[in-house]
Amino acid sequence: MTTSPALQRSRTSLYLARRPSACPRARHWAAAALQQWDATGQERDDVLLVMSELVTNAIVHATGPIRAHLARDTAGRIHVQVDDGGPTHHDDGDGQDDEHGRGLGIVDHLAHHHGHGRAPYPYRSRAWAILTTTHPAGPRTTAVPATRTLEPTA
C-alpha cells in the first residue's frame, strides 16, 4: 500500500506537565521544529500562536498531563494537536472578560480547519488545528526528535 505524498509528513511530539511553564516550553519546541521545516515569518508566528492557545487551554481547562504534536505534510500544511486529560468542572463565568476567553477565536481566525474530539488513552480530549502555508514542504525530513519528554522542574 502506498501513501499519498500529501500524507507523508515530518512530525514531532512533546509531553508536558500541566503547569504554566508548559506554554513557553511548547512554543520553544515548536519554534525549533518550524525552523527545521523552513517555516518563517507570519506562517511561523501563526503556528506558534495557535500552539500557545491550545496548550494554554489545556493548562487552564483540563486535567492531567499534556501531549503536544506538530506535523507538516508535503502539501505544506502544518498540523497542531494538543491532547489532555479532559475538562475540569469549574465555573469561569462567560469566559469573555478583558484578559480571557479569546483563545479559540484566535485559533478560528488563523487556522484553515480546527476542531476537538476524543483522544486515545491515557488522554481524553484533543484539540487540533491545520494551518496552510504558502509553500509545500520539500523532501527533507526533520532533525527534531520524534518524541521528547520534559521532566517537571521544581
Protein backbone atom coordinates (compact mmCIF):
# COMPACT_ATOMS: atom_id res chain seq x y z
CA MET A 1 0.00 0.00 0.00
CA THR A 2 1.38 3.41 -0.92
CA THR A 3 0.83 6.61 0.98
CA SER A 4 -0.34 9.78 -0.71
CA PRO A 5 2.53 12.30 -0.91
CA ALA A 6 0.43 14.84 0.99
CA LEU A 7 0.21 12.41 3.92
CA GLN A 8 3.94 11.78 4.16
CA ARG A 9 4.97 14.26 6.78
CA SER A 10 7.53 15.32 9.29
CA ARG A 11 6.23 15.07 12.83
CA THR A 12 7.26 15.58 16.42
CA SER A 13 5.60 15.26 19.84
CA LEU A 14 6.28 16.75 23.25
CA TYR A 15 4.98 15.62 26.65
CA LEU A 16 4.37 18.36 29.23
CA ALA A 17 3.29 18.63 32.84
CA ARG A 18 0.14 20.71 33.28
CA ARG A 19 1.68 23.91 34.66
CA PRO A 20 2.21 27.48 33.41
CA SER A 21 5.75 26.71 32.22
CA ALA A 22 4.29 24.25 29.67
CA CYS A 23 3.25 27.03 27.29
CA PRO A 24 6.67 28.66 26.79
CA ARG A 25 8.27 25.20 26.59
CA ALA A 26 5.82 24.17 23.88
CA ARG A 27 6.50 27.39 21.93
CA HIS A 28 10.27 26.87 22.14
CA TRP A 29 9.94 23.24 21.00
CA ALA A 30 7.57 24.18 18.15
CA ALA A 31 9.87 27.01 17.04
CA ALA A 32 12.76 24.53 16.73
CA ALA A 33 10.67 22.18 14.59
CA LEU A 34 9.42 25.04 12.40
CA GLN A 35 12.99 26.22 11.87
CA GLN A 36 13.94 22.72 10.67
CA TRP A 37 10.96 22.83 8.30
CA ASP A 38 11.98 26.29 6.97
CA ALA A 39 8.76 27.92 8.18
CA THR A 40 9.41 31.62 8.72
CA GLY A 41 7.70 34.96 9.20
CA GLN A 42 3.95 35.16 9.58
CA GLU A 43 3.45 31.42 8.98
CA ARG A 44 5.79 30.59 11.85
CA ASP A 45 4.19 33.20 14.12
CA ASP A 46 0.68 31.89 13.36
CA VAL A 47 1.65 28.30 14.20
CA LEU A 48 3.34 29.38 17.44
CA LEU A 49 0.28 31.41 18.45
CA VAL A 50 -2.09 28.52 17.75
CA MET A 51 0.17 26.13 19.70
CA SER A 52 0.24 28.61 22.60
CA GLU A 53 -3.54 28.96 22.65
CA LEU A 54 -4.20 25.21 22.55
CA VAL A 55 -1.63 24.44 25.26
CA THR A 56 -2.95 27.31 27.41
CA ASN A 57 -6.48 25.92 27.10
CA ALA A 58 -5.19 22.52 28.25
CA ILE A 59 -3.46 24.12 31.24
CA VAL A 60 -6.48 26.18 32.27
CA HIS A 61 -9.42 23.93 31.41
CA ALA A 62 -8.17 20.33 31.63
CA THR A 63 -6.64 17.80 33.98
CA GLY A 64 -3.56 15.62 33.79
CA PRO A 65 -0.52 15.74 31.53
CA ILE A 66 -0.44 17.31 28.08
CA ARG A 67 0.89 15.96 24.79
CA ALA A 68 1.60 18.48 22.03
CA HIS A 69 2.01 17.23 18.48
CA LEU A 70 3.24 19.12 15.43
CA ALA A 71 3.36 17.78 11.88
CA ARG A 72 3.99 19.15 8.41
CA ASP A 73 2.73 17.35 5.35
CA THR A 74 4.29 17.64 1.90
CA ALA A 75 1.49 19.96 0.78
CA GLY A 76 2.88 22.45 3.31
CA ARG A 77 0.06 22.26 5.85
CA ILE A 78 1.05 22.45 9.50
CA HIS A 79 -0.97 20.25 11.86
CA VAL A 80 -1.09 21.35 15.51
CA GLN A 81 -2.63 18.97 18.05
CA VAL A 82 -2.86 19.04 21.84
CA ASP A 83 -4.13 16.11 23.92
CA ASP A 84 -5.02 16.41 27.61
CA GLY A 85 -6.90 14.70 30.42
CA GLY A 86 -10.26 16.26 29.64
CA PRO A 87 -12.22 19.16 31.05
CA THR A 88 -12.21 20.29 34.65
CA HIS A 89 -15.52 21.19 36.22
CA HIS A 90 -15.34 24.78 37.38
CA ASP A 91 -17.34 27.88 36.57
CA ASP A 92 -15.39 30.70 34.97
CA GLY A 93 -18.43 32.80 34.18
CA ASP A 94 -18.92 33.54 30.50
CA GLY A 95 -15.17 33.34 29.74
CA GLN A 96 -15.22 36.67 27.88
CA ASP A 97 -13.55 39.18 30.19
CA ASP A 98 -10.78 41.59 29.24
CA GLU A 99 -7.99 39.03 29.57
CA HIS A 100 -9.53 35.60 28.95
CA GLY A 101 -11.79 33.76 26.56
CA ARG A 102 -10.28 34.69 23.21
CA GLY A 103 -8.07 31.65 22.53
CA LEU A 104 -10.41 29.65 20.32
CA GLY A 105 -11.40 32.80 18.45
CA ILE A 106 -7.74 33.33 17.61
CA VAL A 107 -7.40 29.70 16.50
CA ASP A 108 -10.54 30.07 14.38
CA HIS A 109 -9.10 33.16 12.69
CA LEU A 110 -5.66 31.66 11.95
CA ALA A 111 -6.45 28.03 11.13
CA HIS A 112 -7.78 26.68 7.85
CA HIS A 113 -9.56 23.92 9.84
CA HIS A 114 -9.80 23.24 13.57
CA GLY A 115 -11.79 21.17 15.99
CA HIS A 116 -11.80 18.99 19.06
CA GLY A 117 -12.70 15.46 19.99
CA ARG A 118 -11.69 12.42 21.96
CA ALA A 119 -8.05 11.43 22.32
CA PRO A 120 -6.72 7.89 22.76
CA TYR A 121 -5.91 6.62 26.25
CA PRO A 122 -4.39 7.89 28.54
CA TYR A 123 -5.69 11.24 27.30
CA ARG A 124 -9.37 12.11 26.99
CA SER A 125 -9.57 15.29 24.96
CA ARG A 126 -7.90 16.51 21.75
CA ALA A 127 -7.87 19.97 20.19
CA TRP A 128 -6.37 20.38 16.73
CA ALA A 129 -5.81 22.93 14.00
CA ILE A 130 -4.47 22.84 10.46
CA LEU A 131 -2.73 25.90 9.08
CA THR A 132 -1.90 26.32 5.42
CA THR A 133 1.42 27.72 4.28
CA THR A 134 2.43 29.39 1.05
CA HIS A 135 4.97 26.77 0.05
CA PRO A 136 4.96 22.97 0.13
CA ALA A 137 7.49 21.06 2.17
CA GLY A 138 10.46 19.64 0.35
CA PRO A 139 11.71 16.09 0.62
CA ARG A 140 13.81 16.99 3.66
CA THR A 141 12.82 15.34 6.92
CA THR A 142 13.07 16.90 10.34
CA ALA A 143 16.09 16.63 12.59
CA VAL A 144 13.85 17.31 15.60
CA PRO A 145 13.45 14.20 17.81
CA ALA A 146 10.19 12.37 17.11
CA THR A 147 9.19 12.38 20.78
CA ARG A 148 10.54 14.39 23.65
CA THR A 149 9.61 14.36 27.32
CA LEU A 150 10.30 17.30 29.58
CA GLU A 151 10.67 16.44 33.24
CA PRO A 152 8.84 18.72 35.67
CA THR A 153 11.10 21.29 37.28
CA ALA A 154 10.99 22.27 40.90
